Amino acid sequence: MLISRDRLVQFGCLIALASILIPSRPSKAQVADTKAQKAIQAVLDAQVLAWNHGDIEAFMAGYQRSPDLIYIGNDKVVRGWQGLLDSYRQRFKAPGGVEMGTLELSEEAIIMLGKDAAVVWGKFTVSTVDGKRRGGLYTLAMHKLPEGWRTVYDRTSTAQQ
């Protein structure tokens, strides 16, 4: 039995359409990635909330509490969790320090590198009560530790406003 060319084309189109319309079951790896991405997002959301309440210590809970932590800003490198905490306190809590303001993260992307490692990048904006805004880009390397997902490397660049 010969199948006409037109019938073959119709059959091919039907198969293509079915593959688009019929949802496939996600693999175990995709489910694990989604679960990890949600856990990472929860860490970031908690940090935003802490920042917006002026709570630097709670914000720092999203970082690995280790001397191996690295933060790189526009013009400085800060090593270690305590060093970063001290830097934030000096910049935002010291008399005459910069106002912390309201933090917003946007254009976030969470890229899983494995079951216990991810890269997160996006834009941040901080708005202050006097209407000033500062912001820039960030890239985080995050690692799943016994206490949960934590940032182990932070590269944040602030754009001139």
N, C-alpha and C. Protein backbone atom coordinates (compact mmCIF):
# COMPACT_ATOMS: atom_id res chain seq x y z
N MET A 1 0.84 -1.17 0.00
CA MET A 1 0.00 0.00 0.00
C MET A 1 0.88 1.23 0.00
N LEU A 2 0.65 2.10 -0.90
CA LEU A 2 1.39 3.34 -1.01
C LEU A 2 0.64 4.46 -0.32
N ILE A 3 1.40 5.29 0.37
CA ILE A 3 0.82 6.45 1.03
C ILE A 3 1.16 7.66 0.18
N SER A 4 0.15 8.45 -0.10
CA SER A 4 0.39 9.61 -0.95
C SER A 4 1.26 10.62 -0.21
N ARG A 5 1.89 11.41 -1.00
CA ARG A 5 2.76 12.45 -0.43
C ARG A 5 1.97 13.41 0.44
N ASP A 6 0.79 13.78 0.02
CA ASP A 6 -0.05 14.68 0.80
C ASP A 6 -0.42 14.07 2.16
N ARG A 7 -0.72 12.75 2.16
CA ARG A 7 -1.05 12.07 3.40
C ARG A 7 0.15 12.02 4.34
N LEU A 8 1.33 11.83 3.76
CA LEU A 8 2.55 11.79 4.54
C LEU A 8 2.83 13.14 5.19
N VAL A 9 2.61 14.22 4.45
CA VAL A 9 2.80 15.57 4.98
C VAL A 9 1.80 15.83 6.10
N GLN A 10 0.52 15.44 5.88
CA GLN A 10 -0.50 15.61 6.91
C GLN A 10 -0.13 14.84 8.19
N PHE A 11 0.33 13.62 8.01
CA PHE A 11 0.73 12.80 9.15
C PHE A 11 1.89 13.45 9.91
N GLY A 12 2.86 13.97 9.18
CA GLY A 12 4.00 14.66 9.80
C GLY A 12 3.56 15.88 10.58
N CYS A 13 2.63 16.64 10.02
CA CYS A 13 2.11 17.83 10.71
C CYS A 13 1.35 17.43 11.97
N LEU A 14 0.59 16.33 11.88
CA LEU A 14 -0.16 15.85 13.04
C LEU A 14 0.79 15.43 14.16
N ILE A 15 1.86 14.74 13.83
CA ILE A 15 2.85 14.32 14.83
C ILE A 15 3.50 15.55 15.47
N ALA A 16 3.86 16.52 14.65
CA ALA A 16 4.49 17.74 15.18
C ALA A 16 3.54 18.48 16.11
N LEU A 17 2.28 18.60 15.72
CA LEU A 17 1.29 19.28 16.54
C LEU A 17 1.06 18.53 17.85
N ALA A 18 0.99 17.22 17.78
CA ALA A 18 0.79 16.42 18.99
C ALA A 18 1.96 16.58 19.96
N SER A 19 3.17 16.65 19.43
CA SER A 19 4.33 16.80 20.31
C SER A 19 4.33 18.15 21.02
N ILE A 20 3.70 19.14 20.42
CA ILE A 20 3.60 20.46 21.05
C ILE A 20 2.48 20.49 22.08
N LEU A 21 1.34 19.89 21.73
CA LEU A 21 0.15 19.99 22.57
C LEU A 21 0.11 19.00 23.73
N ILE A 22 0.71 17.84 23.57
CA ILE A 22 0.68 16.84 24.62
C ILE A 22 1.85 17.09 25.57
N PRO A 23 1.54 17.44 26.81
CA PRO A 23 2.64 17.73 27.74
C PRO A 23 3.44 16.47 28.04
N SER A 24 4.73 16.65 28.09
CA SER A 24 5.58 15.53 28.45
C SER A 24 5.81 15.56 29.95
N ARG A 25 6.07 14.42 30.53
CA ARG A 25 6.36 14.36 31.96
C ARG A 25 7.76 14.90 32.18
N PRO A 26 7.92 15.76 33.17
CA PRO A 26 9.26 16.25 33.46
C PRO A 26 10.14 15.13 34.00
N SER A 27 11.40 15.20 33.68
CA SER A 27 12.34 14.21 34.19
C SER A 27 12.62 14.48 35.66
N LYS A 28 13.21 13.50 36.34
CA LYS A 28 13.58 13.69 37.74
C LYS A 28 14.54 14.86 37.90
N ALA A 29 15.44 15.03 36.93
CA ALA A 29 16.40 16.12 37.00
C ALA A 29 15.69 17.47 36.88
N GLN A 30 14.68 17.56 36.00
CA GLN A 30 13.94 18.81 35.86
C GLN A 30 13.18 19.14 37.14
N VAL A 31 12.58 18.12 37.76
CA VAL A 31 11.86 18.33 39.01
C VAL A 31 12.83 18.79 40.10
N ALA A 32 13.99 18.15 40.18
CA ALA A 32 15.00 18.54 41.17
C ALA A 32 15.48 19.97 40.92
N ASP A 33 15.71 20.33 39.65
CA ASP A 33 16.13 21.70 39.32
C ASP A 33 15.08 22.70 39.76
N THR A 34 13.81 22.41 39.48
CA THR A 34 12.72 23.32 39.87
C THR A 34 12.66 23.47 41.38
N LYS A 35 12.82 22.38 42.11
CA LYS A 35 12.81 22.43 43.57
C LYS A 35 13.98 23.26 44.09
N ALA A 36 15.15 23.05 43.53
CA ALA A 36 16.33 23.82 43.93
C ALA A 36 16.16 25.29 43.58
N GLN A 37 15.63 25.57 42.40
CA GLN A 37 15.43 26.97 42.00
C GLN A 37 14.45 27.68 42.93
N LYS A 38 13.42 26.98 43.35
CA LYS A 38 12.46 27.57 44.31
C LYS A 38 13.13 27.82 45.65
N ALA A 39 13.99 26.91 46.08
CA ALA A 39 14.71 27.09 47.35
C ALA A 39 15.66 28.28 47.26
N ILE A 40 16.34 28.40 46.14
CA ILE A 40 17.25 29.54 45.93
C ILE A 40 16.45 30.84 45.91
N GLN A 41 15.33 30.84 45.21
CA GLN A 41 14.49 32.04 45.15
C GLN A 41 14.01 32.44 46.54
N ALA A 42 13.71 31.45 47.37
CA ALA A 42 13.27 31.74 48.75
C ALA A 42 14.38 32.44 49.53
N VAL A 43 15.63 32.02 49.33
CA VAL A 43 16.76 32.68 49.99
C VAL A 43 16.85 34.14 49.53
N LEU A 44 16.76 34.37 48.22
CA LEU A 44 16.83 35.73 47.69
C LEU A 44 15.68 36.59 48.20
N ASP A 45 14.48 36.01 48.22
CA ASP A 45 13.31 36.76 48.71
C ASP A 45 13.49 37.14 50.19
N ALA A 46 14.03 36.22 50.99
CA ALA A 46 14.27 36.52 52.40
C ALA A 46 15.30 37.63 52.55
N GLN A 47 16.32 37.62 51.68
CA GLN A 47 17.33 38.68 51.74
C GLN A 47 16.72 40.04 51.38
N VAL A 48 15.88 40.08 50.37
CA VAL A 48 15.23 41.34 49.98
C VAL A 48 14.39 41.85 51.14
N LEU A 49 13.62 40.97 51.75
CA LEU A 49 12.78 41.35 52.89
C LEU A 49 13.63 41.90 54.04
N ALA A 50 14.72 41.21 54.35
CA ALA A 50 15.61 41.67 55.42
C ALA A 50 16.20 43.03 55.10
N TRP A 51 16.68 43.19 53.87
CA TRP A 51 17.25 44.47 53.45
C TRP A 51 16.23 45.59 53.62
N ASN A 52 15.02 45.34 53.16
CA ASN A 52 13.98 46.37 53.19
C ASN A 52 13.52 46.69 54.61
N HIS A 53 13.88 45.84 55.57
CA HIS A 53 13.62 46.12 56.99
C HIS A 53 14.86 46.66 57.68
N GLY A 54 15.92 46.91 56.92
CA GLY A 54 17.15 47.46 57.49
C GLY A 54 17.92 46.48 58.36
N ASP A 55 17.69 45.19 58.15
CA ASP A 55 18.30 44.15 58.99
C ASP A 55 19.47 43.50 58.24
N ILE A 56 20.65 44.07 58.42
CA ILE A 56 21.84 43.57 57.72
C ILE A 56 22.17 42.15 58.15
N GLU A 57 22.03 41.84 59.44
CA GLU A 57 22.36 40.51 59.93
C GLU A 57 21.48 39.45 59.27
N ALA A 58 20.18 39.72 59.15
CA ALA A 58 19.26 38.77 58.49
C ALA A 58 19.57 38.68 57.00
N PHE A 59 19.95 39.79 56.39
CA PHE A 59 20.35 39.79 54.98
C PHE A 59 21.56 38.87 54.78
N MET A 60 22.49 38.93 55.71
CA MET A 60 23.72 38.14 55.62
C MET A 60 23.47 36.64 55.80
N ALA A 61 22.29 36.24 56.27
CA ALA A 61 21.97 34.82 56.42
C ALA A 61 21.97 34.10 55.07
N GLY A 62 21.85 34.84 53.97
CA GLY A 62 21.88 34.23 52.65
C GLY A 62 23.27 33.93 52.14
N TYR A 63 24.28 34.30 52.91
CA TYR A 63 25.67 34.07 52.51
C TYR A 63 26.27 32.92 53.33
N GLN A 64 27.23 32.23 52.74
CA GLN A 64 27.97 31.20 53.47
C GLN A 64 28.76 31.88 54.58
N ARG A 65 28.55 31.41 55.79
CA ARG A 65 29.25 32.00 56.95
C ARG A 65 30.63 31.37 57.02
N SER A 66 31.54 31.92 56.22
CA SER A 66 32.86 31.32 56.07
C SER A 66 33.88 32.39 55.68
N PRO A 67 35.14 32.20 56.05
CA PRO A 67 36.19 33.11 55.58
C PRO A 67 36.44 32.94 54.08
N ASP A 68 35.85 31.90 53.46
CA ASP A 68 36.04 31.67 52.03
C ASP A 68 35.09 32.48 51.15
N LEU A 69 34.07 33.10 51.75
CA LEU A 69 33.14 33.93 50.99
C LEU A 69 33.90 35.06 50.30
N ILE A 70 33.53 35.34 49.05
CA ILE A 70 34.16 36.45 48.31
C ILE A 70 33.07 37.36 47.76
N TYR A 71 33.22 38.65 48.02
CA TYR A 71 32.36 39.69 47.46
C TYR A 71 33.25 40.63 46.66
N ILE A 72 32.87 40.87 45.42
CA ILE A 72 33.62 41.80 44.57
C ILE A 72 32.66 42.90 44.13
N GLY A 73 32.98 44.12 44.51
CA GLY A 73 32.22 45.29 44.10
C GLY A 73 32.93 45.99 42.96
N ASN A 74 32.52 47.21 42.68
CA ASN A 74 33.15 47.97 41.59
C ASN A 74 34.66 48.13 41.79
N ASP A 75 35.05 48.43 43.03
CA ASP A 75 36.45 48.78 43.24
C ASP A 75 37.07 48.11 44.48
N LYS A 76 36.40 47.05 44.97
CA LYS A 76 36.98 46.40 46.15
C LYS A 76 36.60 44.93 46.19
N VAL A 77 37.45 44.20 46.87
CA VAL A 77 37.21 42.79 47.13
C VAL A 77 37.11 42.64 48.64
N VAL A 78 36.05 41.99 49.09
CA VAL A 78 35.87 41.71 50.52
C VAL A 78 35.91 40.20 50.68
N ARG A 79 36.75 39.75 51.59
CA ARG A 79 36.88 38.32 51.82
C ARG A 79 36.28 37.97 53.17
N GLY A 80 35.48 36.91 53.16
CA GLY A 80 34.92 36.39 54.40
C GLY A 80 33.58 36.98 54.77
N TRP A 81 32.79 36.15 55.44
CA TRP A 81 31.46 36.56 55.88
C TRP A 81 31.55 37.74 56.85
N GLN A 82 32.45 37.64 57.83
CA GLN A 82 32.57 38.71 58.82
C GLN A 82 33.03 40.00 58.16
N GLY A 83 33.95 39.89 57.21
CA GLY A 83 34.42 41.07 56.50
C GLY A 83 33.30 41.77 55.74
N LEU A 84 32.42 40.98 55.11
CA LEU A 84 31.30 41.57 54.38
C LEU A 84 30.30 42.20 55.34
N LEU A 85 30.02 41.51 56.44
CA LEU A 85 29.12 42.08 57.45
C LEU A 85 29.67 43.41 57.96
N ASP A 86 30.96 43.44 58.29
CA ASP A 86 31.59 44.68 58.77
C ASP A 86 31.51 45.78 57.71
N SER A 87 31.72 45.42 56.46
CA SER A 87 31.65 46.39 55.37
C SER A 87 30.25 46.99 55.24
N TYR A 88 29.22 46.12 55.31
CA TYR A 88 27.84 46.60 55.25
C TYR A 88 27.53 47.49 56.45
N ARG A 89 27.95 47.08 57.63
CA ARG A 89 27.68 47.89 58.82
C ARG A 89 28.34 49.26 58.70
N GLN A 90 29.57 49.29 58.23
CA GLN A 90 30.28 50.55 58.08
C GLN A 90 29.59 51.46 57.06
N ARG A 91 29.15 50.87 55.97
CA ARG A 91 28.56 51.68 54.91
C ARG A 91 27.15 52.16 55.24
N PHE A 92 26.36 51.30 55.89
CA PHE A 92 24.94 51.62 56.07
C PHE A 92 24.53 51.94 57.50
N LYS A 93 25.26 51.48 58.49
CA LYS A 93 24.82 51.68 59.87
C LYS A 93 25.64 52.70 60.64
N ALA A 94 26.79 53.06 60.13
CA ALA A 94 27.62 54.05 60.82
C ALA A 94 26.95 55.43 60.72
N PRO A 95 27.21 56.30 61.71
CA PRO A 95 26.67 57.66 61.63
C PRO A 95 27.09 58.31 60.31
N GLY A 96 26.10 58.89 59.63
CA GLY A 96 26.37 59.51 58.34
C GLY A 96 26.46 58.51 57.20
N GLY A 97 26.13 57.24 57.47
CA GLY A 97 26.20 56.20 56.44
C GLY A 97 25.12 56.36 55.39
N VAL A 98 25.25 55.58 54.33
CA VAL A 98 24.29 55.60 53.23
C VAL A 98 22.99 54.93 53.69
N GLU A 99 21.87 55.48 53.26
CA GLU A 99 20.58 54.87 53.58
C GLU A 99 20.45 53.55 52.83
N MET A 100 20.00 52.50 53.53
CA MET A 100 19.85 51.19 52.88
C MET A 100 18.78 51.26 51.80
N GLY A 101 17.64 51.87 52.08
CA GLY A 101 16.59 52.01 51.08
C GLY A 101 15.82 50.72 50.85
N THR A 102 15.07 50.70 49.76
CA THR A 102 14.23 49.56 49.40
C THR A 102 14.85 48.85 48.21
N LEU A 103 15.16 47.58 48.41
CA LEU A 103 15.82 46.76 47.40
C LEU A 103 14.79 46.04 46.54
N GLU A 104 15.05 46.02 45.24
CA GLU A 104 14.23 45.25 44.31
C GLU A 104 15.16 44.51 43.36
N LEU A 105 14.91 43.23 43.16
CA LEU A 105 15.66 42.43 42.20
C LEU A 105 14.80 42.21 40.98
N SER A 106 15.40 42.29 39.80
CA SER A 106 14.64 42.07 38.57
C SER A 106 15.50 41.31 37.57
N GLU A 107 14.86 40.83 36.54
CA GLU A 107 15.51 40.09 35.47
C GLU A 107 16.39 38.97 36.01
N GLU A 108 15.90 38.33 37.05
CA GLU A 108 16.67 37.25 37.67
C GLU A 108 16.70 36.01 36.80
N ALA A 109 17.81 35.33 36.83
CA ALA A 109 17.94 34.03 36.19
C ALA A 109 18.69 33.12 37.15
N ILE A 110 18.15 31.93 37.35
CA ILE A 110 18.79 30.93 38.19
C ILE A 110 19.19 29.78 37.28
N ILE A 111 20.47 29.55 37.18
CA ILE A 111 20.99 28.52 36.28
C ILE A 111 21.63 27.43 37.12
N MET A 112 21.07 26.27 37.06
CA MET A 112 21.59 25.14 37.84
C MET A 112 22.83 24.59 37.15
N LEU A 113 23.90 24.44 37.92
CA LEU A 113 25.14 23.86 37.41
C LEU A 113 25.29 22.40 37.82
N GLY A 114 24.45 21.98 38.72
CA GLY A 114 24.45 20.62 39.26
C GLY A 114 23.42 20.57 40.36
N LYS A 115 23.37 19.46 41.08
CA LYS A 115 22.34 19.35 42.12
C LYS A 115 22.63 20.23 43.32
N ASP A 116 23.86 20.69 43.48
CA ASP A 116 24.19 21.51 44.65
C ASP A 116 24.94 22.79 44.29
N ALA A 117 24.83 23.23 43.04
CA ALA A 117 25.52 24.46 42.63
C ALA A 117 24.68 25.21 41.59
N ALA A 118 24.67 26.53 41.70
CA ALA A 118 23.90 27.35 40.78
C ALA A 118 24.56 28.71 40.62
N VAL A 119 24.27 29.33 39.50
CA VAL A 119 24.64 30.72 39.25
C VAL A 119 23.35 31.51 39.16
N VAL A 120 23.32 32.64 39.83
CA VAL A 120 22.16 33.53 39.80
C VAL A 120 22.66 34.88 39.33
N TRP A 121 21.92 35.48 38.42
CA TRP A 121 22.29 36.83 37.98
C TRP A 121 21.02 37.64 37.80
N GLY A 122 21.21 38.95 37.82
CA GLY A 122 20.07 39.83 37.61
C GLY A 122 20.45 41.28 37.81
N LYS A 123 19.43 42.10 37.90
CA LYS A 123 19.59 43.54 38.15
C LYS A 123 19.05 43.84 39.55
N PHE A 124 19.65 44.83 40.18
CA PHE A 124 19.11 45.29 41.46
C PHE A 124 18.92 46.79 41.39
N THR A 125 17.93 47.25 42.13
CA THR A 125 17.66 48.67 42.27
C THR A 125 17.35 48.94 43.73
N VAL A 126 17.95 50.00 44.26
CA VAL A 126 17.65 50.44 45.62
C VAL A 126 17.10 51.86 45.51
N SER A 127 15.92 52.06 46.09
CA SER A 127 15.28 53.38 46.11
C SER A 127 15.27 53.88 47.54
N THR A 128 15.59 55.15 47.72
CA THR A 128 15.61 55.73 49.07
C THR A 128 14.44 56.71 49.23
N VAL A 129 14.16 57.08 50.48
CA VAL A 129 13.00 57.93 50.75
C VAL A 129 13.12 59.31 50.12
N ASP A 130 14.36 59.74 49.84
CA ASP A 130 14.54 61.04 49.21
C ASP A 130 14.42 60.97 47.68
N GLY A 131 14.01 59.79 47.16
CA GLY A 131 13.80 59.64 45.73
C GLY A 131 15.03 59.25 44.93
N LYS A 132 16.15 59.08 45.60
CA LYS A 132 17.36 58.68 44.88
C LYS A 132 17.31 57.18 44.59
N ARG A 133 17.98 56.80 43.51
CA ARG A 133 18.04 55.40 43.12
C ARG A 133 19.48 55.03 42.80
N ARG A 134 19.83 53.84 43.18
CA ARG A 134 21.12 53.28 42.78
C ARG A 134 20.85 51.84 42.37
N GLY A 135 21.71 51.31 41.56
CA GLY A 135 21.48 49.94 41.12
C GLY A 135 22.60 49.46 40.24
N GLY A 136 22.42 48.28 39.72
CA GLY A 136 23.42 47.68 38.86
C GLY A 136 23.11 46.23 38.60
N LEU A 137 24.16 45.46 38.39
CA LEU A 137 24.05 44.05 38.06
C LEU A 137 24.72 43.21 39.14
N TYR A 138 24.24 41.99 39.30
CA TYR A 138 24.88 41.08 40.24
C TYR A 138 24.95 39.68 39.65
N THR A 139 25.96 38.96 40.07
CA THR A 139 26.11 37.54 39.75
C THR A 139 26.50 36.83 41.03
N LEU A 140 25.76 35.79 41.36
CA LEU A 140 26.03 35.03 42.58
C LEU A 140 26.35 33.58 42.21
N ALA A 141 27.34 33.03 42.87
CA ALA A 141 27.54 31.58 42.84
C ALA A 141 26.95 31.07 44.13
N MET A 142 26.02 30.13 44.02
CA MET A 142 25.36 29.59 45.21
C MET A 142 25.63 28.10 45.30
N HIS A 143 25.74 27.66 46.54
CA HIS A 143 26.08 26.26 46.82
C HIS A 143 25.09 25.74 47.86
N LYS A 144 24.65 24.51 47.67
CA LYS A 144 23.76 23.91 48.67
C LYS A 144 24.61 23.33 49.78
N LEU A 145 24.46 23.89 50.96
CA LEU A 145 25.20 23.49 52.15
C LEU A 145 24.24 22.78 53.10
N PRO A 146 24.73 22.18 54.17
CA PRO A 146 23.83 21.51 55.12
C PRO A 146 22.73 22.44 55.64
N GLU A 147 23.03 23.72 55.79
CA GLU A 147 22.02 24.67 56.29
C GLU A 147 21.13 25.23 55.19
N GLY A 148 21.36 24.83 53.94
CA GLY A 148 20.55 25.29 52.82
C GLY A 148 21.40 25.99 51.77
N TRP A 149 20.73 26.59 50.80
CA TRP A 149 21.43 27.30 49.72
C TRP A 149 22.03 28.60 50.26
N ARG A 150 23.30 28.84 49.93
CA ARG A 150 23.99 30.05 50.38
C ARG A 150 24.87 30.58 49.25
N THR A 151 25.02 31.89 49.23
CA THR A 151 25.92 32.53 48.28
C THR A 151 27.35 32.35 48.77
N VAL A 152 28.22 31.88 47.88
CA VAL A 152 29.63 31.69 48.22
C VAL A 152 30.52 32.69 47.47
N TYR A 153 29.94 33.34 46.46
CA TYR A 153 30.66 34.33 45.66
C TYR A 153 29.63 35.33 45.16
N ASP A 154 29.93 36.62 45.31
CA ASP A 154 29.01 37.69 44.92
C ASP A 154 29.78 38.73 44.15
N ARG A 155 29.41 38.94 42.91
CA ARG A 155 30.01 39.99 42.09
C ARG A 155 28.91 40.98 41.78
N THR A 156 28.97 42.13 42.46
CA THR A 156 27.93 43.15 42.30
C THR A 156 28.59 44.42 41.77
N SER A 157 28.05 44.92 40.67
CA SER A 157 28.56 46.17 40.10
C SER A 157 27.47 47.22 40.16
N THR A 158 27.81 48.35 40.70
CA THR A 158 26.86 49.45 40.82
C THR A 158 27.10 50.41 39.67
N ALA A 159 26.02 50.71 38.96
CA ALA A 159 26.11 51.65 37.83
C ALA A 159 26.08 53.08 38.37
N GLN A 160 26.75 53.95 37.68
CA GLN A 160 26.70 55.36 38.05
C GLN A 160 25.32 55.91 37.75
N GLN A 161 24.71 56.56 38.72
CA GLN A 161 23.36 57.09 38.54
C GLN A 161 23.39 58.60 38.49
